[in-house]
Amino acid sequence: MILLLGGTSETAPLAAAFAEQGWPTLVSTATDAVLELPEHALVSRRHGRLNQQQMEELICREQIRLLVDATHPFATAAHATALAAATSIGIPYLRWQRMGCDRYGEENISVTSHSEAAQRAVSFGRPILLTSGSRNLLPYTKAATTADVTLFVRVLPHPESEHSCCEAGLIPDQIIAARGPFSVEDTVQLIQRYQIGTLVTKDSGVAGGLPEKLEAARLTGCRVIIIHQPEQPDGIAVYNAIADITAALAAHQEQPCNNQK
């Protein structure tokens, strides 16, 4: 069986491709957020965050032969946990890496961390729309409070997201709970409604809706701050085409299982 760690928009097509090859696939997601998966007898799902020990137990219990990590490009802790668990058990670890955007536009600002993004965003003194999820909110709420700048966040309508917002000190009027994908017009309307001057986003690539955000910002004259994707560790097999990762999995399937536990 393949363990597919997912939750992003690529999860369903990956699961479908694996099932079409006749490979039983267990999709594991951190939360129970809605995820449209193929209705296939070989595809099953579990949810709940796992530490390394719990993931190793899952691998052994479900007789996992291969681990495919298709979690969010910015989920660095999840990547580290998955790699450590696969290495400890002795099964192959393959990383699905969503492609970032090649060009952001000269008018947009590129940064490498949330703390840098927060400081750059408040420096303009205009209302901020944060579209980078419900993690890492504190740098923004602290910076916005210190600079007396209005901050709005767009997050998934999920209890975990709401809890993170409350912990960061956000009030309901600052929270825009909505599920994507978002069109250009969706984001234009938000920018205009809240008189946004600066939009903060991760480089979530085409699949994550970055082009639509950039176009909405261009149409409204809104500044954009983009957080680069984290660097990948050396020596990790990384794939961004379904045909390529399927071929790699097929090659591994022909090899004897090295599960050590």
C-alpha atoms as a PDB file:
ATOM      1  CA  MET A   1       0.000   0.000   0.000  1.00  0.00           C
ATOM      2  CA  ILE A   2       1.048   3.588  -0.679  1.00  0.00           C
ATOM      3  CA  LEU A   3       0.741   6.213   2.043  1.00  0.00           C
ATOM      4  CA  LEU A   4      -0.127   9.528   0.383  1.00  0.00           C
ATOM      5  CA  LEU A   5       0.242  12.490   2.698  1.00  0.00           C
ATOM      6  CA  GLY A   6      -1.941  15.213   1.250  1.00  0.00           C
ATOM      7  CA  GLY A   7      -4.622  17.800   1.756  1.00  0.00           C
ATOM      8  CA  THR A   8      -3.828  20.086  -1.187  1.00  0.00           C
ATOM      9  CA  SER A   9      -5.544  20.215  -4.575  1.00  0.00           C
ATOM     10  CA  GLU A  10      -3.020  17.763  -6.031  1.00  0.00           C
ATOM     11  CA  THR A  11      -4.063  14.999  -3.624  1.00  0.00           C
ATOM     12  CA  ALA A  12      -7.063  13.780  -5.623  1.00  0.00           C
ATOM     13  CA  PRO A  13      -5.336  13.476  -9.027  1.00  0.00           C
ATOM     14  CA  LEU A  14      -2.373  11.737  -7.407  1.00  0.00           C
ATOM     15  CA  ALA A  15      -4.652   9.256  -5.611  1.00  0.00           C
ATOM     16  CA  ALA A  16      -6.574   8.648  -8.843  1.00  0.00           C
ATOM     17  CA  ALA A  17      -3.374   8.018 -10.797  1.00  0.00           C
ATOM     18  CA  PHE A  18      -2.122   5.540  -8.211  1.00  0.00           C
ATOM     19  CA  ALA A  19      -5.454   3.717  -8.090  1.00  0.00           C
ATOM     20  CA  GLU A  20      -5.507   3.465 -11.889  1.00  0.00           C
ATOM     21  CA  GLN A  21      -2.221   1.574 -11.620  1.00  0.00           C
ATOM     22  CA  GLY A  22      -3.890  -0.880  -9.259  1.00  0.00           C
ATOM     23  CA  TRP A  23      -2.048   0.383  -6.152  1.00  0.00           C
ATOM     24  CA  PRO A  24      -4.001   0.564  -2.876  1.00  0.00           C
ATOM     25  CA  THR A  25      -3.548   4.102  -1.551  1.00  0.00           C
ATOM     26  CA  LEU A  26      -4.187   5.466   1.922  1.00  0.00           C
ATOM     27  CA  VAL A  27      -4.628   9.240   1.881  1.00  0.00           C
ATOM     28  CA  SER A  28      -3.633  10.868   5.165  1.00  0.00           C
ATOM     29  CA  THR A  29      -4.550  14.489   5.932  1.00  0.00           C
ATOM     30  CA  ALA A  30      -3.870  16.603   8.991  1.00  0.00           C
ATOM     31  CA  THR A  31      -7.489  17.691   9.395  1.00  0.00           C
ATOM     32  CA  ASP A  32     -10.942  16.533   8.368  1.00  0.00           C
ATOM     33  CA  ALA A  33     -11.381  19.481   5.993  1.00  0.00           C
ATOM     34  CA  VAL A  34     -13.392  18.692   2.877  1.00  0.00           C
ATOM     35  CA  LEU A  35     -11.293  16.939   0.244  1.00  0.00           C
ATOM     36  CA  GLU A  36     -12.781  15.569  -2.959  1.00  0.00           C
ATOM     37  CA  LEU A  37     -11.146  12.183  -3.515  1.00  0.00           C
ATOM     38  CA  PRO A  38     -11.842   9.694  -6.314  1.00  0.00           C
ATOM     39  CA  GLU A  39     -14.519   7.157  -5.506  1.00  0.00           C
ATOM     40  CA  HIS A  40     -12.350   4.102  -5.978  1.00  0.00           C
ATOM     41  CA  ALA A  41     -12.145   0.870  -4.018  1.00  0.00           C
ATOM     42  CA  LEU A  42      -8.364   1.212  -3.761  1.00  0.00           C
ATOM     43  CA  VAL A  43      -8.466   4.709  -2.236  1.00  0.00           C
ATOM     44  CA  SER A  44      -9.110   5.215   1.475  1.00  0.00           C
ATOM     45  CA  ARG A  45      -8.625   8.146   3.835  1.00  0.00           C
ATOM     46  CA  ARG A  46      -7.677   8.908   7.415  1.00  0.00           C
ATOM     47  CA  HIS A  47      -7.199  12.257   9.124  1.00  0.00           C
ATOM     48  CA  GLY A  48      -5.401  13.608  12.163  1.00  0.00           C
ATOM     49  CA  ARG A  49      -1.943  15.024  12.757  1.00  0.00           C
ATOM     50  CA  LEU A  50       0.823  12.470  13.301  1.00  0.00           C
ATOM     51  CA  ASN A  51       4.151  12.737  15.065  1.00  0.00           C
ATOM     52  CA  GLN A  52       7.009  10.512  13.922  1.00  0.00           C
ATOM     53  CA  GLN A  53       6.158   7.621  16.236  1.00  0.00           C
ATOM     54  CA  GLN A  54       2.492   7.677  15.242  1.00  0.00           C
ATOM     55  CA  MET A  55       3.400   7.751  11.562  1.00  0.00           C
ATOM     56  CA  GLU A  56       5.760   4.810  12.000  1.00  0.00           C
ATOM     57  CA  GLU A  57       2.982   2.887  13.752  1.00  0.00           C
ATOM     58  CA  LEU A  58       0.610   3.687  10.890  1.00  0.00           C
ATOM     59  CA  ILE A  59       3.163   2.525   8.320  1.00  0.00           C
ATOM     60  CA  CYS A  60       3.609  -0.786  10.106  1.00  0.00           C
ATOM     61  CA  ARG A  61      -0.075  -1.310  10.849  1.00  0.00           C
ATOM     62  CA  GLU A  62      -1.178  -0.670   7.268  1.00  0.00           C
ATOM     63  CA  GLN A  63       1.841  -2.457   5.744  1.00  0.00           C
ATOM     64  CA  ILE A  64       2.891   0.649   3.828  1.00  0.00           C
ATOM     65  CA  ARG A  65       5.571   0.009   1.186  1.00  0.00           C
ATOM     66  CA  LEU A  66       5.988   3.536  -0.180  1.00  0.00           C
ATOM     67  CA  LEU A  67       5.436   7.023   1.221  1.00  0.00           C
ATOM     68  CA  VAL A  68       4.509   9.939  -1.044  1.00  0.00           C
ATOM     69  CA  ASP A  69       4.656  13.328   0.655  1.00  0.00           C
ATOM     70  CA  ALA A  70       2.278  15.699  -1.135  1.00  0.00           C
ATOM     71  CA  THR A  71       1.659  18.025   1.776  1.00  0.00           C
ATOM     72  CA  HIS A  72       1.759  21.790   1.279  1.00  0.00           C
ATOM     73  CA  PRO A  73       5.077  23.227   0.014  1.00  0.00           C
ATOM     74  CA  PHE A  74       5.347  25.266   3.229  1.00  0.00           C
ATOM     75  CA  ALA A  75       4.570  22.376   5.612  1.00  0.00           C
ATOM     76  CA  THR A  76       8.204  21.977   6.617  1.00  0.00           C
ATOM     77  CA  ALA A  77       7.454  20.213   9.907  1.00  0.00           C
ATOM     78  CA  ALA A  78       5.260  17.666   8.124  1.00  0.00           C
ATOM     79  CA  HIS A  79       7.985  17.047   5.535  1.00  0.00           C
ATOM     80  CA  ALA A  80      10.584  16.449   8.241  1.00  0.00           C
ATOM     81  CA  THR A  81       8.304  14.067  10.148  1.00  0.00           C
ATOM     82  CA  ALA A  82       7.447  12.053   7.045  1.00  0.00           C
ATOM     83  CA  LEU A  83      11.063  11.765   5.930  1.00  0.00           C
ATOM     84  CA  ALA A  84      12.205  10.696   9.402  1.00  0.00           C
ATOM     85  CA  ALA A  85       9.451   8.080   9.689  1.00  0.00           C
ATOM     86  CA  ALA A  86      10.116   6.608   6.244  1.00  0.00           C
ATOM     87  CA  THR A  87      13.860   6.512   6.888  1.00  0.00           C
ATOM     88  CA  SER A  88      13.399   4.878  10.282  1.00  0.00           C
ATOM     89  CA  ILE A  89      11.110   2.180   8.901  1.00  0.00           C
ATOM     90  CA  GLY A  90      13.185   1.700   5.757  1.00  0.00           C
ATOM     91  CA  ILE A  91      10.693   2.489   3.006  1.00  0.00           C
ATOM     92  CA  PRO A  92      11.142   4.860   0.037  1.00  0.00           C
ATOM     93  CA  TYR A  93      10.188   8.530   0.536  1.00  0.00           C
ATOM     94  CA  LEU A  94       9.102  10.456  -2.553  1.00  0.00           C
ATOM     95  CA  ARG A  95       8.318  14.164  -2.415  1.00  0.00           C
ATOM     96  CA  TRP A  96       5.674  15.786  -4.575  1.00  0.00           C
ATOM     97  CA  GLN A  97       6.674  19.444  -4.955  1.00  0.00           C
ATOM     98  CA  ARG A  98       4.171  21.930  -6.267  1.00  0.00           C
ATOM     99  CA  MET A  99       5.869  24.247  -8.746  1.00  0.00           C
ATOM    100  CA  GLY A 100       6.192  27.862  -7.714  1.00  0.00           C
ATOM    101  CA  CYS A 101       5.607  30.702 -10.144  1.00  0.00           C
ATOM    102  CA  ASP A 102       8.534  31.551 -12.407  1.00  0.00           C
ATOM    103  CA  ARG A 103       7.953  35.288 -12.326  1.00  0.00           C
ATOM    104  CA  TYR A 104       6.280  37.462  -9.719  1.00  0.00           C
ATOM    105  CA  GLY A 105       6.519  40.786 -11.536  1.00  0.00           C
ATOM    106  CA  GLU A 106       8.979  43.555 -10.779  1.00  0.00           C
ATOM    107  CA  GLU A 107       6.387  45.526  -8.845  1.00  0.00           C
ATOM    108  CA  ASN A 108       5.917  42.740  -6.269  1.00  0.00           C
ATOM    109  CA  ILE A 109       8.098  42.170  -3.211  1.00  0.00           C
ATOM    110  CA  SER A 110       9.722  38.779  -2.564  1.00  0.00           C
ATOM    111  CA  VAL A 111      10.717  37.708   0.954  1.00  0.00           C
ATOM    112  CA  THR A 112      11.928  34.518   2.599  1.00  0.00           C
ATOM    113  CA  SER A 113      10.100  34.511   5.951  1.00  0.00           C
ATOM    114  CA  HIS A 114       6.860  35.474   7.655  1.00  0.00           C
ATOM    115  CA  SER A 115       8.620  37.878   9.996  1.00  0.00           C
ATOM    116  CA  GLU A 116      10.119  39.744   7.033  1.00  0.00           C
ATOM    117  CA  ALA A 117       6.768  39.733   5.238  1.00  0.00           C
ATOM    118  CA  ALA A 118       5.022  41.150   8.299  1.00  0.00           C
ATOM    119  CA  GLN A 119       7.505  43.992   8.726  1.00  0.00           C
ATOM    120  CA  ARG A 120       7.412  44.901   5.045  1.00  0.00           C
ATOM    121  CA  ALA A 121       3.621  44.789   4.986  1.00  0.00           C
ATOM    122  CA  VAL A 122       3.068  47.174   7.894  1.00  0.00           C
ATOM    123  CA  SER A 123       5.718  49.575   6.607  1.00  0.00           C
ATOM    124  CA  PHE A 124       3.278  50.854   3.967  1.00  0.00           C
ATOM    125  CA  GLY A 125       0.680  51.863   6.554  1.00  0.00           C
ATOM    126  CA  ARG A 126      -2.264  50.502   4.538  1.00  0.00           C
ATOM    127  CA  PRO A 127      -4.791  47.770   5.446  1.00  0.00           C
ATOM    128  CA  ILE A 128      -3.324  44.290   4.905  1.00  0.00           C
ATOM    129  CA  LEU A 129      -4.986  41.178   3.498  1.00  0.00           C
ATOM    130  CA  LEU A 130      -3.149  38.054   4.644  1.00  0.00           C
ATOM    131  CA  THR A 131      -3.838  35.037   2.405  1.00  0.00           C
ATOM    132  CA  SER A 132      -1.108  32.694   3.632  1.00  0.00           C
ATOM    133  CA  GLY A 133      -3.276  30.476   5.842  1.00  0.00           C
ATOM    134  CA  SER A 134      -3.869  30.191   9.567  1.00  0.00           C
ATOM    135  CA  ARG A 135      -0.343  29.186  10.545  1.00  0.00           C
ATOM    136  CA  ASN A 136       2.283  31.779  11.456  1.00  0.00           C
ATOM    137  CA  LEU A 137      -0.233  34.507  12.253  1.00  0.00           C
ATOM    138  CA  LEU A 138       1.596  35.968  15.247  1.00  0.00           C
ATOM    139  CA  PRO A 139       4.278  37.902  13.324  1.00  0.00           C
ATOM    140  CA  TYR A 140       1.512  39.729  11.471  1.00  0.00           C
ATOM    141  CA  THR A 141      -0.782  40.446  14.414  1.00  0.00           C
ATOM    142  CA  LYS A 142       2.122  41.722  16.508  1.00  0.00           C
ATOM    143  CA  ALA A 143       3.500  43.892  13.708  1.00  0.00           C
ATOM    144  CA  ALA A 144       0.053  45.246  12.808  1.00  0.00           C
ATOM    145  CA  THR A 145      -0.735  46.096  16.430  1.00  0.00           C
ATOM    146  CA  THR A 146       2.603  47.849  16.937  1.00  0.00           C
ATOM    147  CA  ALA A 147       2.248  49.825  13.703  1.00  0.00           C
ATOM    148  CA  ASP A 148      -1.492  50.454  14.204  1.00  0.00           C
ATOM    149  CA  VAL A 149      -2.277  48.971  10.788  1.00  0.00           C
ATOM    150  CA  THR A 150      -5.525  47.145  10.039  1.00  0.00           C
ATOM    151  CA  LEU A 151      -5.109  43.439   9.316  1.00  0.00           C
ATOM    152  CA  PHE A 152      -7.551  41.010   7.702  1.00  0.00           C
ATOM    153  CA  VAL A 153      -6.913  37.290   7.177  1.00  0.00           C
ATOM    154  CA  ARG A 154      -8.525  34.887   4.723  1.00  0.00           C
ATOM    155  CA  VAL A 155      -8.543  31.363   6.122  1.00  0.00           C
ATOM    156  CA  LEU A 156     -10.368  28.078   5.684  1.00  0.00           C
ATOM    157  CA  PRO A 157     -13.747  27.809   7.449  1.00  0.00           C
ATOM    158  CA  HIS A 158     -12.522  25.138   9.850  1.00  0.00           C
ATOM    159  CA  PRO A 159     -12.423  25.017  13.682  1.00  0.00           C
ATOM    160  CA  GLU A 160      -8.639  24.630  13.640  1.00  0.00           C
ATOM    161  CA  SER A 161      -8.262  27.817  11.590  1.00  0.00           C
ATOM    162  CA  GLU A 162     -10.670  29.692  13.845  1.00  0.00           C
ATOM    163  CA  HIS A 163      -8.744  28.554  16.908  1.00  0.00           C
ATOM    164  CA  SER A 164      -5.450  29.726  15.415  1.00  0.00           C
ATOM    165  CA  CYS A 165      -6.961  33.128  14.638  1.00  0.00           C
ATOM    166  CA  CYS A 166      -8.278  33.523  18.167  1.00  0.00           C
ATOM    167  CA  GLU A 167      -4.929  32.506  19.667  1.00  0.00           C
ATOM    168  CA  ALA A 168      -3.231  35.157  17.525  1.00  0.00           C
ATOM    169  CA  GLY A 169      -5.551  37.811  18.924  1.00  0.00           C
ATOM    170  CA  LEU A 170      -7.730  38.340  15.866  1.00  0.00           C
ATOM    171  CA  ILE A 171     -11.365  39.341  16.317  1.00  0.00           C
ATOM    172  CA  PRO A 172     -14.229  38.044  14.117  1.00  0.00           C
ATOM    173  CA  ASP A 173     -14.349  41.236  12.039  1.00  0.00           C
ATOM    174  CA  GLN A 174     -10.770  40.569  10.912  1.00  0.00           C
ATOM    175  CA  ILE A 175     -11.404  36.967   9.853  1.00  0.00           C
ATOM    176  CA  ILE A 176     -12.643  36.112   6.366  1.00  0.00           C
ATOM    177  CA  ALA A 177     -13.511  32.404   6.445  1.00  0.00           C
ATOM    178  CA  ALA A 178     -13.812  31.041   2.914  1.00  0.00           C
ATOM    179  CA  ARG A 179     -12.796  28.035   0.878  1.00  0.00           C
ATOM    180  CA  GLY A 180     -11.089  28.358  -2.503  1.00  0.00           C
ATOM    181  CA  PRO A 181     -10.359  28.182  -5.290  1.00  0.00           C
ATOM    182  CA  PHE A 182     -10.779  31.951  -5.567  1.00  0.00           C
ATOM    183  CA  SER A 183     -11.221  33.728  -8.873  1.00  0.00           C
ATOM    184  CA  VAL A 184      -9.625  37.053  -9.740  1.00  0.00           C
ATOM    185  CA  GLU A 185     -12.987  38.720  -9.148  1.00  0.00           C
ATOM    186  CA  ASP A 186     -13.347  37.106  -5.707  1.00  0.00           C
ATOM    187  CA  THR A 187     -10.087  38.687  -4.555  1.00  0.00           C
ATOM    188  CA  VAL A 188     -10.780  42.000  -6.294  1.00  0.00           C
ATOM    189  CA  GLN A 189     -14.026  42.268  -4.357  1.00  0.00           C
ATOM    190  CA  LEU A 190     -12.225  41.590  -1.065  1.00  0.00           C
ATOM    191  CA  ILE A 191      -9.542  44.161  -1.787  1.00  0.00           C
ATOM    192  CA  GLN A 192     -12.141  46.775  -2.632  1.00  0.00           C
ATOM    193  CA  ARG A 193     -14.496  45.952   0.235  1.00  0.00           C
ATOM    194  CA  TYR A 194     -11.786  46.241   2.895  1.00  0.00           C
ATOM    195  CA  GLN A 195      -9.760  48.947   1.096  1.00  0.00           C
ATOM    196  CA  ILE A 196      -6.697  46.710   1.110  1.00  0.00           C
ATOM    197  CA  GLY A 197      -3.386  48.311   0.257  1.00  0.00           C
ATOM    198  CA  THR A 198      -1.076  45.311   0.737  1.00  0.00           C
ATOM    199  CA  LEU A 199      -1.729  41.625   0.022  1.00  0.00           C
ATOM    200  CA  VAL A 200       0.532  38.978   1.566  1.00  0.00           C
ATOM    201  CA  THR A 201       0.707  35.503   0.035  1.00  0.00           C
ATOM    202  CA  LYS A 202       2.893  32.454  -0.127  1.00  0.00           C
ATOM    203  CA  ASP A 203       4.275  31.322  -3.458  1.00  0.00           C
ATOM    204  CA  SER A 204       1.690  28.578  -3.665  1.00  0.00           C
ATOM    205  CA  GLY A 205       2.094  28.245  -7.419  1.00  0.00           C
ATOM    206  CA  VAL A 206      -0.568  27.965 -10.073  1.00  0.00           C
ATOM    207  CA  ALA A 207      -2.357  25.167  -8.196  1.00  0.00           C
ATOM    208  CA  GLY A 208      -2.535  27.374  -5.115  1.00  0.00           C
ATOM    209  CA  GLY A 209      -4.102  30.311  -6.929  1.00  0.00           C
ATOM    210  CA  LEU A 210      -1.134  32.691  -6.964  1.00  0.00           C
ATOM    211  CA  PRO A 211      -1.724  33.992 -10.530  1.00  0.00           C
ATOM    212  CA  GLU A 212      -5.285  34.979  -9.614  1.00  0.00           C
ATOM    213  CA  LYS A 213      -4.066  36.888  -6.557  1.00  0.00           C
ATOM    214  CA  LEU A 214      -1.408  38.708  -8.574  1.00  0.00           C
ATOM    215  CA  GLU A 215      -3.911  39.710 -11.248  1.00  0.00           C
ATOM    216  CA  ALA A 216      -6.417  40.927  -8.656  1.00  0.00           C
ATOM    217  CA  ALA A 217      -3.702  43.029  -7.058  1.00  0.00           C
ATOM    218  CA  ARG A 218      -2.656  44.450 -10.422  1.00  0.00           C
ATOM    219  CA  LEU A 219      -6.220  45.448 -11.251  1.00  0.00           C
ATOM    220  CA  THR A 220      -6.689  47.222  -7.926  1.00  0.00           C
ATOM    221  CA  GLY A 221      -3.248  48.769  -7.555  1.00  0.00           C
ATOM    222  CA  CYS A 222      -2.548  46.695  -4.457  1.00  0.00           C
ATOM    223  CA  ARG A 223       1.019  45.918  -3.355  1.00  0.00           C
ATOM    224  CA  VAL A 224       1.912  42.215  -3.090  1.00  0.00           C
ATOM    225  CA  ILE A 225       4.414  40.570  -0.766  1.00  0.00           C
ATOM    226  CA  ILE A 226       5.271  36.988  -1.754  1.00  0.00           C
ATOM    227  CA  ILE A 227       6.960  34.477   0.549  1.00  0.00           C
ATOM    228  CA  HIS A 228       9.321  32.125  -1.303  1.00  0.00           C
ATOM    229  CA  GLN A 229       8.875  28.375  -1.040  1.00  0.00           C
ATOM    230  CA  PRO A 230      11.327  26.745   1.415  1.00  0.00           C
ATOM    231  CA  GLU A 231      14.408  25.068  -0.023  1.00  0.00           C
ATOM    232  CA  GLN A 232      14.269  21.279  -0.320  1.00  0.00           C
ATOM    233  CA  PRO A 233      16.856  19.142   1.512  1.00  0.00           C
ATOM    234  CA  ASP A 234      19.623  17.666  -0.624  1.00  0.00           C
ATOM    235  CA  GLY A 235      19.277  14.067  -1.735  1.00  0.00           C
ATOM    236  CA  ILE A 236      15.461  13.962  -1.724  1.00  0.00           C
ATOM    237  CA  ALA A 237      13.663  12.673  -4.815  1.00  0.00           C
ATOM    238  CA  VAL A 238      11.324  15.511  -5.832  1.00  0.00           C
ATOM    239  CA  TYR A 239       8.621  15.260  -8.517  1.00  0.00           C
ATOM    240  CA  ASN A 240       6.159  17.739 -10.006  1.00  0.00           C
ATOM    241  CA  ALA A 241       4.626  15.675 -12.824  1.00  0.00           C
ATOM    242  CA  ILE A 242       2.207  12.820 -12.163  1.00  0.00           C
ATOM    243  CA  ALA A 243       3.699  10.701 -14.947  1.00  0.00           C
ATOM    244  CA  ASP A 244       7.167  11.008 -13.411  1.00  0.00           C
ATOM    245  CA  ILE A 245       6.178  10.140  -9.854  1.00  0.00           C
ATOM    246  CA  THR A 246       4.023   7.252 -11.095  1.00  0.00           C
ATOM    247  CA  ALA A 247       6.983   5.860 -13.048  1.00  0.00           C
ATOM    248  CA  ALA A 248       9.207   6.180  -9.970  1.00  0.00           C
ATOM    249  CA  LEU A 249       6.655   4.382  -7.829  1.00  0.00           C
ATOM    250  CA  ALA A 250       6.349   1.613 -10.408  1.00  0.00           C
ATOM    251  CA  ALA A 251      10.116   1.106 -10.269  1.00  0.00           C
ATOM    252  CA  HIS A 252      10.016   0.905  -6.478  1.00  0.00           C
ATOM    253  CA  GLN A 253       7.079  -1.520  -6.585  1.00  0.00           C
ATOM    254  CA  GLU A 254       9.274  -4.000  -8.454  1.00  0.00           C
ATOM    255  CA  GLN A 255      11.854  -3.976  -5.665  1.00  0.00           C
ATOM    256  CA  PRO A 256      11.559  -6.050  -2.465  1.00  0.00           C
ATOM    257  CA  CYS A 257      10.048  -4.259   0.514  1.00  0.00           C
ATOM    258  CA  ASN A 258      12.686  -3.132   3.019  1.00  0.00           C
ATOM    259  CA  ASN A 259      10.274  -2.357   5.847  1.00  0.00           C
ATOM    260  CA  GLN A 260      12.488  -2.905   8.904  1.00  0.00           C
ATOM    261  CA  LYS A 261       9.786  -2.992  11.594  1.00  0.00           C
END
